[in-house]
Amino acid sequence: MRGDTLIFRDFRNDVGRWTTDLFFRRATVPVEGEGDEPIFNVEGTQFIFTKKNGMYFVFASRHNVSPALSIELLERIAAVIKDYCGVLTEEAIRKNFILVYELVDEIVDFGYPQSSSSEDLKAFVRSVPVLVDTEKRSEFLTTVVRQKTTSSKTANQSVTNKEQKKKDEIFVDLLERITVHFGSSGQLSLAEIEGAIVIKSFIKGKPKLKLGLNEELIIGRNPDQMNYGKLCLDYCNFHECCQFSEWDIDRTLVFYPPDGEFALIKYKCSEAFEPPFKIFSYLEDPGPSQLDVIIRVSSEFPPELNANKVHLICKLPRSTVSASCELDPPETGTYEFDNRSKAITWNLGKIKGAFSATIRIKLNLEDSVGNYKREVGPIGMDFEIPMYRSSQMQIRYLKAMENEKELKPYRWVRSITKAESYVARVDSAFSSTPRYN
């Protein structure tokens, strides 16, 4: 990242362009003792940001604004830009910077959020998107270009031929982000799931869609009620297009999908579930000014599934001089020691279910005085598991109806679980035997 400013808009004239350099220095070189927080304050300016595809989307203000509102606004701006530009990349934004400025000015008016619906904004946005050379453009972009391009016989013929080759498709993603915290003895201290059903429809026209969820779905937890075999959600937010005429009968949602990608429902579940990974750790004292940290990871999901982009990060004592590792099995990934941050990263890459691996981290310390053992950890883990659901959320069926006749579009349904905050603490007491079987 070079720190170039692609888009800048000062709605209330209280932050200048100098804030971009201030943000970039603080975001790329964090203050000692602080992590990569999405919210920080520098010289009286509050910065709230999210990062997507190597780009920072930043909200800056001299006032005390709501962090949740600001992050949600940034997420929606990014989604709208992706809908109109086709892809969310630096090249797409540079080629469509006039369009992006027009979108931002329509979404935010004098610092106040307005409509962030891609479909509603079509009535106000006049710029024609510049196509980026990629096969991953959204269908919404094709619609916008077709509506805003000047008609000609050649152009109409090209679009018609292209449409004839298109298939009626609908993509449904069941995404779940899990937060799991393990105590120092391996016990589960926190387990939460935040999920969403994201839909992108490429079906011609505006057909009525029906999506069936778990029939035994309950919204709202009641501690006095037993819910064996039922999915109990803490809360559930529905998109404004949802109709509930059949919801109370068999948990079926009826809706007419808007243009672009949208989240049909968002939910949270704190009901007990089996974590996809378990993390065990203990310390050994091999000699003076030395310390061994042993970490074992076991995958608890079915063996026919695979977890991708798996890596662990373990904080080490500040007095660490050097670190070496032994892996068991030996071919289980790679490791990297960062002397600056005093942390070691274990990259496991892709691993299958019902699998376990161990890493022994051998540390040489500058001195072994004080509570250096308490400086070990916590251990953070990141991963994603396709075709896996931590909750019991199910999509029973998806139907497309037009004039009371059922259509047969291509339906692509997938589920994926990602780690939001997967953390395990390390017991600072020495142990001569592992704390796992």
Protein backbone atom coordinates (compact mmCIF):
# COMPACT_ATOMS: atom_id res chain seq x y z
CA MET A 1 0.00 0.00 0.00
CA ARG A 2 1.39 3.36 -1.09
CA GLY A 3 -1.00 5.61 0.78
CA ASP A 4 -2.52 7.26 -2.33
CA THR A 5 -5.86 9.02 -1.82
CA LEU A 6 -8.35 7.77 -4.40
CA ILE A 7 -11.52 9.50 -3.17
CA PHE A 8 -11.81 12.35 -0.66
CA ARG A 9 -14.89 14.26 0.40
CA ASP A 10 -15.14 16.76 3.29
CA PHE A 11 -18.85 17.23 3.97
CA ARG A 12 -18.66 19.58 6.96
CA ASN A 13 -15.35 21.34 6.34
CA ASP A 14 -13.94 20.18 9.67
CA VAL A 15 -11.28 17.76 8.36
CA GLY A 16 -8.76 18.66 5.67
CA ARG A 17 -6.69 16.62 3.27
CA TRP A 18 -3.91 16.50 5.85
CA THR A 19 -5.98 13.92 7.73
CA THR A 20 -5.29 11.32 5.01
CA ASP A 21 -1.55 11.38 5.76
CA LEU A 22 -2.28 11.38 9.48
CA PHE A 23 -4.48 8.31 9.15
CA PHE A 24 -2.09 6.38 6.92
CA ARG A 25 0.88 6.91 9.26
CA ARG A 26 -1.15 5.79 12.27
CA ALA A 27 -2.74 2.80 10.48
CA THR A 28 0.50 1.45 9.01
CA VAL A 29 2.72 2.17 12.03
CA PRO A 30 0.55 1.44 15.09
CA VAL A 31 1.41 2.84 18.50
CA GLU A 32 3.26 0.44 20.80
CA GLY A 33 0.86 -1.46 23.01
CA GLU A 34 -2.08 -1.01 20.63
CA GLY A 35 -3.31 -3.41 17.98
CA ASP A 36 -4.99 -2.86 14.63
CA GLU A 37 -8.13 -1.33 16.05
CA PRO A 38 -10.67 -0.11 13.47
CA ILE A 39 -11.24 3.01 15.58
CA PHE A 40 -8.66 5.43 16.95
CA ASN A 41 -8.28 9.12 17.77
CA VAL A 42 -5.34 11.26 16.70
CA GLU A 43 -5.04 14.96 17.57
CA GLY A 44 -8.77 15.29 18.20
CA THR A 45 -9.83 13.58 14.98
CA GLN A 46 -11.72 10.32 15.25
CA PHE A 47 -10.90 7.75 12.54
CA ILE A 48 -13.14 4.76 11.82
CA PHE A 49 -12.17 2.47 8.96
CA THR A 50 -12.62 -0.86 7.25
CA LYS A 51 -10.23 -2.54 4.83
CA LYS A 52 -11.26 -4.25 1.59
CA ASN A 53 -9.06 -5.59 -1.21
CA GLY A 54 -6.02 -3.68 0.02
CA MET A 55 -7.92 -0.36 0.24
CA TYR A 56 -8.92 1.61 3.33
CA PHE A 57 -12.45 3.02 3.54
CA VAL A 58 -12.15 5.71 6.21
CA PHE A 59 -14.63 7.87 8.11
CA ALA A 60 -13.06 10.89 9.87
CA SER A 61 -14.81 13.35 12.17
CA ARG A 62 -14.04 15.92 14.86
CA HIS A 63 -17.21 14.90 16.69
CA ASN A 64 -18.13 11.87 18.78
CA VAL A 65 -20.02 9.76 16.23
CA SER A 66 -21.50 6.28 16.52
CA PRO A 67 -18.86 3.66 15.57
CA ALA A 68 -21.47 1.06 14.60
CA LEU A 69 -23.27 3.51 12.31
CA SER A 70 -20.02 4.64 10.72
CA ILE A 71 -18.77 1.12 9.99
CA GLU A 72 -22.16 0.09 8.59
CA LEU A 73 -22.12 3.17 6.35
CA LEU A 74 -18.64 2.33 5.06
CA GLU A 75 -19.70 -1.26 4.36
CA ARG A 76 -22.73 -0.09 2.39
CA ILE A 77 -20.70 2.45 0.39
CA ALA A 78 -18.25 -0.30 -0.53
CA ALA A 79 -21.12 -2.59 -1.58
CA VAL A 80 -22.72 0.11 -3.75
CA ILE A 81 -19.40 0.91 -5.45
CA LYS A 82 -18.95 -2.79 -6.19
CA ASP A 83 -22.45 -2.99 -7.68
CA TYR A 84 -21.87 -0.04 -10.00
CA CYS A 85 -18.22 -0.68 -10.92
CA GLY A 86 -18.56 -4.45 -11.16
CA VAL A 87 -15.55 -5.15 -8.95
CA LEU A 88 -14.10 -3.43 -5.92
CA THR A 89 -10.52 -2.76 -6.99
CA GLU A 90 -8.21 0.25 -7.19
CA GLU A 91 -8.30 0.14 -11.00
CA ALA A 92 -12.10 0.17 -11.06
CA ILE A 93 -12.27 3.17 -8.70
CA ARG A 94 -9.62 5.11 -10.63
CA LYS A 95 -11.44 4.56 -13.92
CA ASN A 96 -14.81 5.47 -12.38
CA PHE A 97 -13.82 8.19 -9.93
CA ILE A 98 -16.50 10.59 -11.25
CA LEU A 99 -19.14 7.90 -10.80
CA VAL A 100 -17.85 7.10 -7.29
CA TYR A 101 -17.98 10.77 -6.28
CA GLU A 102 -21.53 10.93 -7.59
CA LEU A 103 -22.50 7.85 -5.57
CA VAL A 104 -20.90 9.16 -2.39
CA ASP A 105 -22.68 12.51 -2.73
CA GLU A 106 -26.03 10.75 -3.14
CA ILE A 107 -25.47 8.33 -0.24
CA VAL A 108 -24.23 11.02 2.18
CA ASP A 109 -25.76 14.51 2.08
CA PHE A 110 -23.88 17.17 4.07
CA GLY A 111 -22.59 14.48 6.41
CA TYR A 112 -25.96 12.79 6.92
CA PRO A 113 -26.52 9.28 5.51
CA GLN A 114 -29.32 8.98 2.97
CA SER A 115 -30.28 6.04 0.78
CA SER A 116 -27.70 3.29 0.26
CA SER A 117 -29.82 1.08 -1.99
CA SER A 118 -28.23 0.37 -5.37
CA GLU A 119 -31.65 0.17 -6.97
CA ASP A 120 -32.85 3.53 -5.57
CA LEU A 121 -29.66 5.33 -6.59
CA LYS A 122 -30.18 4.51 -10.28
CA ALA A 123 -32.71 7.36 -10.49
CA PHE A 124 -30.12 9.95 -9.41
CA VAL A 125 -26.80 8.74 -10.83
CA ARG A 126 -26.10 9.83 -14.41
CA SER A 127 -22.48 8.73 -15.01
CA VAL A 128 -21.86 5.69 -17.19
CA PRO A 129 -19.57 3.06 -15.60
CA VAL A 130 -16.25 2.37 -17.30
CA LEU A 131 -15.87 -1.38 -17.68
CA VAL A 132 -12.84 -3.02 -16.13
CA ASP A 133 -11.29 -5.98 -17.94
CA THR A 134 -12.42 -8.82 -15.68
CA GLU A 135 -14.85 -11.69 -15.78
CA LYS A 136 -16.12 -10.97 -12.27
CA ARG A 137 -18.33 -7.99 -13.07
CA SER A 138 -21.70 -7.92 -11.38
CA GLU A 139 -24.96 -8.28 -13.29
CA PHE A 140 -26.07 -4.98 -11.77
CA LEU A 141 -23.27 -3.21 -13.66
CA THR A 142 -24.46 -4.69 -16.95
CA THR A 143 -27.97 -3.37 -16.23
CA VAL A 144 -26.70 0.13 -15.46
CA VAL A 145 -24.53 0.28 -18.57
CA ARG A 146 -27.41 -0.95 -20.74
CA GLN A 147 -29.74 1.72 -19.35
CA LYS A 148 -27.32 4.63 -19.66
CA THR A 149 -25.64 3.88 -23.00
CA THR A 150 -26.96 5.74 -26.05
CA SER A 151 -29.08 3.48 -28.25
CA SER A 152 -27.75 2.32 -31.59
CA LYS A 153 -28.51 -0.59 -33.84
CA THR A 154 -25.12 -2.19 -33.26
CA ALA A 155 -25.24 -1.69 -29.52
CA ASN A 156 -28.74 -3.12 -29.22
CA GLN A 157 -27.79 -6.12 -31.30
CA SER A 158 -24.77 -6.82 -29.10
CA VAL A 159 -26.76 -6.61 -25.89
CA THR A 160 -29.53 -8.80 -27.28
CA ASN A 161 -27.15 -11.50 -28.37
CA LYS A 162 -25.45 -11.39 -25.01
CA GLU A 163 -28.72 -11.67 -23.13
CA GLN A 164 -29.78 -14.66 -25.16
CA LYS A 165 -26.73 -16.54 -23.98
CA LYS A 166 -27.27 -15.69 -20.34
CA LYS A 167 -28.76 -18.14 -17.94
CA ASP A 168 -31.25 -17.38 -15.21
CA GLU A 169 -29.13 -17.81 -12.11
CA ILE A 170 -29.36 -17.00 -8.45
CA PHE A 171 -26.53 -17.19 -5.93
CA VAL A 172 -27.21 -17.71 -2.23
CA ASP A 173 -24.42 -17.56 0.34
CA LEU A 174 -24.92 -18.64 3.94
CA LEU A 175 -22.05 -16.86 5.70
CA GLU A 176 -21.21 -17.34 9.37
CA ARG A 177 -18.51 -15.63 11.40
CA ILE A 178 -17.75 -17.23 14.74
CA THR A 179 -16.27 -15.79 17.90
CA VAL A 180 -14.71 -18.40 20.19
CA HIS A 181 -12.55 -17.83 23.26
CA PHE A 182 -10.79 -20.63 25.15
CA GLY A 183 -9.54 -20.24 28.71
CA SER A 184 -6.01 -21.14 29.81
CA SER A 185 -7.09 -24.66 30.75
CA GLY A 186 -8.81 -25.25 27.41
CA GLN A 187 -12.39 -24.66 28.57
CA LEU A 188 -14.76 -22.74 26.29
CA SER A 189 -15.48 -19.30 27.77
CA LEU A 190 -17.26 -17.60 24.85
CA ALA A 191 -18.99 -18.90 21.71
CA GLU A 192 -21.06 -16.72 19.37
CA ILE A 193 -22.13 -16.86 15.73
CA GLU A 194 -22.97 -13.90 13.52
CA GLY A 195 -24.49 -15.01 10.24
CA ALA A 196 -26.07 -13.67 7.10
CA ILE A 197 -27.82 -15.02 4.02
CA VAL A 198 -26.52 -12.99 1.07
CA ILE A 199 -28.32 -13.17 -2.27
CA LYS A 200 -27.41 -12.05 -5.77
CA SER A 201 -30.08 -12.67 -8.41
CA PHE A 202 -29.42 -12.82 -12.15
CA ILE A 203 -32.99 -13.85 -13.05
CA LYS A 204 -34.64 -11.82 -15.82
CA GLY A 205 -37.54 -9.69 -14.70
CA LYS A 206 -38.71 -9.43 -11.11
CA PRO A 207 -39.95 -12.90 -10.12
CA LYS A 208 -41.24 -13.68 -6.65
CA LEU A 209 -38.78 -15.79 -4.69
CA LYS A 210 -39.53 -18.11 -1.80
CA LEU A 211 -36.80 -19.23 0.58
CA GLY A 212 -37.51 -21.82 3.26
CA LEU A 213 -35.51 -21.93 6.49
CA ASN A 214 -35.60 -24.29 9.48
CA GLU A 215 -39.18 -25.05 10.43
CA GLU A 216 -38.11 -25.22 14.09
CA LEU A 217 -36.59 -21.71 14.05
CA ILE A 218 -37.11 -19.49 17.11
CA ILE A 219 -36.16 -15.82 17.33
CA GLY A 220 -35.49 -14.54 20.83
CA ARG A 221 -34.08 -16.51 23.71
CA ASN A 222 -36.30 -17.53 26.62
CA PRO A 223 -34.30 -19.00 29.55
CA ASP A 224 -37.46 -20.64 30.93
CA GLN A 225 -38.20 -22.50 27.70
CA MET A 226 -36.51 -25.74 26.61
CA ASN A 227 -35.55 -25.71 22.93
CA TYR A 228 -34.12 -29.16 22.27
CA GLY A 229 -33.62 -29.79 18.56
CA LYS A 230 -34.56 -26.22 17.63
CA LEU A 231 -32.45 -23.37 16.29
CA CYS A 232 -32.72 -20.42 18.66
CA LEU A 233 -31.45 -17.04 17.44
CA ASP A 234 -30.73 -14.12 19.74
CA TYR A 235 -31.98 -11.70 17.11
CA CYS A 236 -32.64 -11.60 13.37
CA ASN A 237 -32.78 -8.58 11.03
CA PHE A 238 -34.67 -8.89 7.74
CA HIS A 239 -34.18 -6.93 4.53
CA GLU A 240 -36.93 -4.48 3.70
CA CYS A 241 -38.00 -6.56 0.68
CA CYS A 242 -39.10 -9.48 2.88
CA GLN A 243 -42.78 -10.40 3.16
CA PHE A 244 -44.03 -12.57 6.02
CA SER A 245 -47.27 -14.02 4.66
CA GLU A 246 -45.91 -17.57 5.04
CA TRP A 247 -43.40 -17.01 7.83
CA ASP A 248 -45.57 -18.21 10.69
CA ILE A 249 -46.65 -21.31 8.76
CA ASP A 250 -43.34 -22.99 7.91
CA ARG A 251 -40.66 -20.26 8.19
CA THR A 252 -40.78 -19.31 4.49
CA LEU A 253 -39.67 -15.84 3.36
CA VAL A 254 -41.34 -14.32 0.29
CA PHE A 255 -39.48 -11.48 -1.45
CA TYR A 256 -38.81 -9.70 -4.72
CA PRO A 257 -35.00 -9.35 -4.96
CA PRO A 258 -33.64 -5.83 -5.57
CA ASP A 259 -30.76 -5.15 -7.94
CA GLY A 260 -27.27 -5.90 -6.73
CA GLU A 261 -26.05 -8.01 -3.86
CA PHE A 262 -27.97 -7.77 -0.59
CA ALA A 263 -28.26 -9.49 2.77
CA LEU A 264 -31.70 -11.07 3.07
CA ILE A 265 -31.30 -11.72 6.80
CA LYS A 266 -28.65 -11.11 9.43
CA TYR A 267 -28.70 -13.05 12.69
CA LYS A 268 -26.79 -13.77 15.86
CA CYS A 269 -26.72 -17.00 17.84
CA SER A 270 -25.07 -17.55 21.21
CA GLU A 271 -26.43 -21.05 21.67
CA ALA A 272 -23.79 -23.65 22.56
CA PHE A 273 -22.12 -25.24 19.53
CA GLU A 274 -19.09 -27.40 18.83
CA PRO A 275 -16.12 -25.23 17.78
CA PRO A 276 -14.53 -26.35 14.49
CA PHE A 277 -11.06 -26.20 16.05
CA LYS A 278 -9.70 -26.84 19.52
CA ILE A 279 -6.46 -25.27 20.70
CA PHE A 280 -4.31 -26.70 23.51
CA SER A 281 -1.09 -25.20 24.83
CA TYR A 282 1.39 -25.54 27.67
CA LEU A 283 4.89 -24.36 28.62
CA GLU A 284 8.11 -26.23 29.38
CA ASP A 285 11.36 -25.06 30.97
CA PRO A 286 14.27 -26.77 29.16
CA GLY A 287 17.03 -24.69 30.79
CA PRO A 288 18.27 -21.22 31.82
CA SER A 289 17.04 -18.36 29.61
CA GLN A 290 15.02 -20.81 27.54
CA LEU A 291 11.34 -21.50 27.14
CA ASP A 292 9.35 -23.99 25.08
CA VAL A 293 5.79 -23.23 23.99
CA ILE A 294 3.84 -26.26 22.75
CA ILE A 295 0.64 -25.65 20.77
CA ARG A 296 -1.63 -28.36 19.46
CA VAL A 297 -4.51 -27.73 17.04
CA SER A 298 -7.18 -30.31 16.27
CA SER A 299 -9.95 -29.95 13.68
CA GLU A 300 -13.33 -31.16 14.92
CA PHE A 301 -15.32 -31.00 11.69
CA PRO A 302 -15.96 -33.98 9.36
CA PRO A 303 -12.92 -35.38 7.51
CA GLU A 304 -14.49 -34.87 4.08
CA LEU A 305 -14.31 -31.08 4.56
CA ASN A 306 -11.25 -28.83 4.36
CA ALA A 307 -10.34 -25.60 6.09
CA ASN A 308 -8.48 -22.98 4.03
CA LYS A 309 -6.18 -20.08 4.92
CA VAL A 310 -5.48 -21.52 8.36
CA HIS A 311 -2.86 -19.74 10.44
CA LEU A 312 -2.11 -19.08 14.10
CA ILE A 313 -0.34 -16.15 15.71
CA CYS A 314 1.16 -16.44 19.20
CA LYS A 315 2.57 -13.50 21.14
CA LEU A 316 5.95 -14.17 22.80
CA PRO A 317 7.79 -12.58 25.73
CA ARG A 318 9.40 -9.20 25.09
CA SER A 319 12.77 -10.62 26.12
CA THR A 320 12.74 -13.15 23.26
CA VAL A 321 15.99 -13.05 21.30
CA SER A 322 15.40 -15.86 18.80
CA ALA A 323 12.89 -18.62 18.09
CA SER A 324 12.95 -21.93 16.26
CA CYS A 325 10.16 -24.45 15.74
CA GLU A 326 9.55 -28.15 15.38
CA LEU A 327 6.42 -29.30 13.56
CA ASP A 328 4.59 -32.58 14.05
CA PRO A 329 3.86 -33.83 11.41
CA PRO A 330 6.98 -32.19 9.89
CA GLU A 331 5.22 -31.10 6.67
CA THR A 332 2.43 -29.26 8.49
CA GLY A 333 2.83 -25.75 7.12
CA THR A 334 5.51 -23.15 7.70
CA TYR A 335 6.35 -20.68 10.46
CA GLU A 336 7.75 -17.16 10.68
CA PHE A 337 9.15 -15.26 13.66
CA ASP A 338 8.72 -11.48 13.74
CA ASN A 339 11.34 -10.07 16.08
CA ARG A 340 9.82 -6.61 15.95
CA SER A 341 6.38 -7.57 17.23
CA LYS A 342 7.68 -10.58 19.22
CA ALA A 343 5.18 -12.93 17.63
CA ILE A 344 5.36 -16.16 15.69
CA THR A 345 2.99 -17.07 12.85
CA TRP A 346 2.20 -20.69 12.02
CA ASN A 347 0.77 -21.00 8.51
CA LEU A 348 -0.98 -24.34 8.13
CA GLY A 349 -2.61 -23.47 4.80
CA LYS A 350 -5.21 -26.11 3.95
CA ILE A 351 -6.03 -28.88 6.43
CA LYS A 352 -8.77 -31.50 6.49
CA GLY A 353 -11.20 -32.41 9.22
CA ALA A 354 -10.42 -34.88 12.04
CA PHE A 355 -6.78 -33.81 11.89
CA SER A 356 -4.33 -32.61 14.53
CA ALA A 357 -0.92 -30.94 14.38
CA THR A 358 1.57 -29.70 16.96
CA ILE A 359 4.20 -26.99 16.96
CA ARG A 360 6.98 -26.69 19.55
CA ILE A 361 8.35 -23.15 19.74
CA LYS A 362 11.84 -23.02 21.27
CA LEU A 363 12.69 -19.59 22.63
CA ASN A 364 15.99 -18.08 23.67
CA LEU A 365 15.42 -15.28 26.14
CA GLU A 366 17.59 -12.32 26.99
CA ASP A 367 16.82 -12.99 30.64
CA SER A 368 14.39 -15.21 32.52
CA VAL A 369 13.59 -12.79 35.33
CA GLY A 370 10.09 -11.56 36.07
CA ASN A 371 6.74 -12.72 34.76
CA TYR A 372 7.96 -13.54 31.27
CA LYS A 373 5.70 -16.62 31.23
CA ARG A 374 2.63 -14.40 31.49
CA GLU A 375 3.70 -12.60 28.32
CA VAL A 376 3.11 -15.73 26.24
CA GLY A 377 -0.12 -15.55 24.29
CA PRO A 378 -2.90 -15.19 23.63
CA ILE A 379 -3.04 -17.40 20.55
CA GLY A 380 -5.13 -16.07 17.69
CA MET A 381 -6.41 -18.24 14.86
CA ASP A 382 -7.85 -17.43 11.45
CA PHE A 383 -9.48 -19.77 8.94
CA GLU A 384 -12.42 -20.35 6.62
CA ILE A 385 -14.30 -23.62 6.06
CA PRO A 386 -16.40 -23.96 2.89
CA MET A 387 -19.62 -26.01 2.99
CA TYR A 388 -19.69 -25.92 6.80
CA ARG A 389 -22.17 -24.33 9.21
CA SER A 390 -21.45 -23.87 12.89
CA SER A 391 -25.12 -23.24 13.63
CA GLN A 392 -28.04 -25.41 12.58
CA MET A 393 -29.26 -22.84 10.06
CA GLN A 394 -30.53 -24.56 6.91
CA ILE A 395 -31.94 -23.47 3.57
CA ARG A 396 -34.62 -26.06 2.86
CA TYR A 397 -35.59 -24.81 -0.57
CA LEU A 398 -35.46 -21.84 -2.94
CA LYS A 399 -38.23 -21.30 -5.47
CA ALA A 400 -38.77 -18.66 -8.17
CA MET A 401 -42.38 -17.90 -9.09
CA GLU A 402 -43.78 -15.77 -11.93
CA ASN A 403 -47.52 -15.52 -12.60
CA GLU A 404 -48.04 -18.40 -10.17
CA LYS A 405 -45.78 -20.62 -12.29
CA GLU A 406 -42.55 -21.99 -10.90
CA LEU A 407 -39.40 -21.07 -12.81
CA LYS A 408 -36.35 -23.29 -13.07
CA PRO A 409 -33.31 -21.03 -12.67
CA TYR A 410 -29.86 -22.31 -11.88
CA ARG A 411 -29.55 -22.17 -8.09
CA TRP A 412 -26.12 -21.95 -6.49
CA VAL A 413 -26.22 -22.31 -2.71
CA ARG A 414 -23.10 -22.47 -0.61
CA SER A 415 -22.20 -22.06 3.04
CA ILE A 416 -18.94 -20.90 4.57
CA THR A 417 -17.73 -20.38 8.12
CA LYS A 418 -14.99 -17.88 8.96
CA ALA A 419 -13.19 -16.97 12.16
CA GLU A 420 -14.10 -13.54 13.50
CA SER A 421 -12.25 -13.74 16.82
CA TYR A 422 -10.80 -17.16 17.60
CA VAL A 423 -8.57 -16.83 20.66
CA ALA A 424 -7.01 -19.20 23.20
CA ARG A 425 -5.17 -18.15 26.35
CA VAL A 426 -1.98 -19.85 27.51
CA ASP A 427 -1.53 -21.21 31.03
CA SER A 428 1.56 -19.52 32.47
CA ALA A 429 2.32 -22.46 34.80
CA PHE A 430 4.97 -24.95 33.67
CA SER A 431 3.76 -28.43 32.87
CA SER A 432 5.68 -31.63 32.33
CA THR A 433 2.71 -33.42 30.73
CA PRO A 434 0.35 -32.18 28.00
CA ARG A 435 -3.14 -31.07 28.99
CA TYR A 436 -4.84 -33.03 26.24
CA ASN A 437 -5.46 -36.63 25.34
